[in-house]
Amino acid sequence: MEDNKNTLLKEIQIAKFAVIEANLFLNTHPNDQEALKFFKKCADKLHDLMMEWEEKNGRVQNTAGGQMRWAWVDNPWPWEMGV
């Protein structure tokens, strides 16, 4: 179970990295249609992965979500997970 959780988290991190890098590239190449397609593909994948994570494990982003405290800090930090 923990391996699946770590694998999913790693996939989210990879997808997020790809989205950020594609976004940076598009900042200097705004008319590149292939880059735009790549960005959309990565953004869609990231969204799907985050929805999967939230269904199985709760919120993935560090938002309060109407709570009076930051509950996400209760989980292990990435360097504490032994990945």
Protein backbone atom coordinates (compact mmCIF):
# COMPACT_ATOMS: atom_id res chain seq x y z
CA MET A 1 0.00 0.00 0.00
CA GLU A 2 2.77 2.44 0.96
CA ASP A 3 4.66 1.58 -2.26
CA ASN A 4 1.60 2.51 -4.34
CA LYS A 5 1.30 5.77 -2.42
CA ASN A 6 4.98 6.59 -3.01
CA THR A 7 4.71 5.66 -6.70
CA LEU A 8 1.69 7.89 -7.19
CA LEU A 9 3.39 10.77 -5.37
CA LYS A 10 6.47 10.38 -7.58
CA GLU A 11 4.26 10.42 -10.71
CA ILE A 12 2.66 13.65 -9.46
CA GLN A 13 6.08 15.21 -8.93
CA ILE A 14 7.22 14.20 -12.43
CA ALA A 15 4.05 15.54 -14.05
CA LYS A 16 4.29 18.80 -12.09
CA PHE A 17 7.92 19.23 -13.18
CA ALA A 18 6.93 18.68 -16.83
CA VAL A 19 4.11 21.23 -16.57
CA ILE A 20 6.41 23.85 -15.03
CA GLU A 21 9.14 23.28 -17.63
CA ALA A 22 6.68 23.36 -20.54
CA ASN A 23 5.20 26.56 -19.14
CA LEU A 24 8.65 28.16 -18.95
CA PHE A 25 9.37 27.12 -22.55
CA LEU A 26 6.05 28.58 -23.70
CA ASN A 27 6.99 31.88 -22.07
CA THR A 28 9.65 32.32 -24.76
CA HIS A 29 7.98 30.29 -27.55
CA PRO A 30 4.28 31.22 -27.27
CA ASN A 31 3.45 30.15 -30.84
CA ASP A 32 4.95 26.66 -30.63
CA GLN A 33 1.91 24.42 -31.17
CA GLU A 34 3.77 21.20 -30.31
CA ALA A 35 4.89 22.70 -26.98
CA LEU A 36 1.33 23.83 -26.31
CA LYS A 37 0.02 20.31 -27.00
CA PHE A 38 2.72 18.89 -24.70
CA PHE A 39 1.81 21.37 -21.96
CA LYS A 40 -1.89 20.48 -22.20
CA LYS A 41 -1.14 16.75 -22.15
CA CYS A 42 1.06 17.14 -19.05
CA ALA A 43 -1.43 19.44 -17.32
CA ASP A 44 -4.26 16.97 -17.95
CA LYS A 45 -2.15 14.10 -16.61
CA LEU A 46 -1.21 16.13 -13.53
CA HIS A 47 -4.86 16.91 -12.89
CA ASP A 48 -5.83 13.24 -13.21
CA LEU A 49 -3.02 12.13 -10.90
CA MET A 50 -3.94 14.73 -8.30
CA MET A 51 -7.60 13.67 -8.42
CA GLU A 52 -6.53 10.04 -7.96
CA TRP A 53 -4.34 11.02 -5.00
CA GLU A 54 -7.14 13.01 -3.36
CA GLU A 55 -9.61 10.14 -3.78
CA LYS A 56 -7.21 7.75 -2.04
CA ASN A 57 -5.26 9.95 0.38
CA GLY A 58 -6.90 13.34 0.87
CA ARG A 59 -5.75 16.75 -0.31
CA VAL A 60 -2.43 16.95 -2.09
CA GLN A 61 -2.06 20.74 -2.10
CA ASN A 62 -1.14 22.82 0.90
CA THR A 63 -4.42 24.67 1.28
CA ALA A 64 -6.44 25.02 4.44
CA GLY A 65 -9.66 23.99 2.68
CA GLY A 66 -11.78 25.91 5.17
CA GLN A 67 -10.02 24.33 8.13
CA MET A 68 -8.55 26.31 10.97
CA ARG A 69 -5.15 24.59 10.66
CA TRP A 70 -2.81 23.17 8.05
CA ALA A 71 -3.65 19.45 8.22
CA TRP A 72 -1.27 18.55 5.39
CA VAL A 73 1.70 19.07 7.73
CA ASP A 74 0.58 15.99 9.69
CA ASN A 75 1.81 13.70 6.91
CA PRO A 76 5.47 12.75 6.49
CA TRP A 77 7.60 15.21 4.53
CA PRO A 78 9.06 13.88 1.25
CA TRP A 79 12.51 13.40 2.84
CA GLU A 80 10.91 11.46 5.72
CA MET A 81 9.25 8.94 3.42
CA GLY A 82 12.41 6.96 2.63
CA VAL A 83 11.76 7.03 -1.10
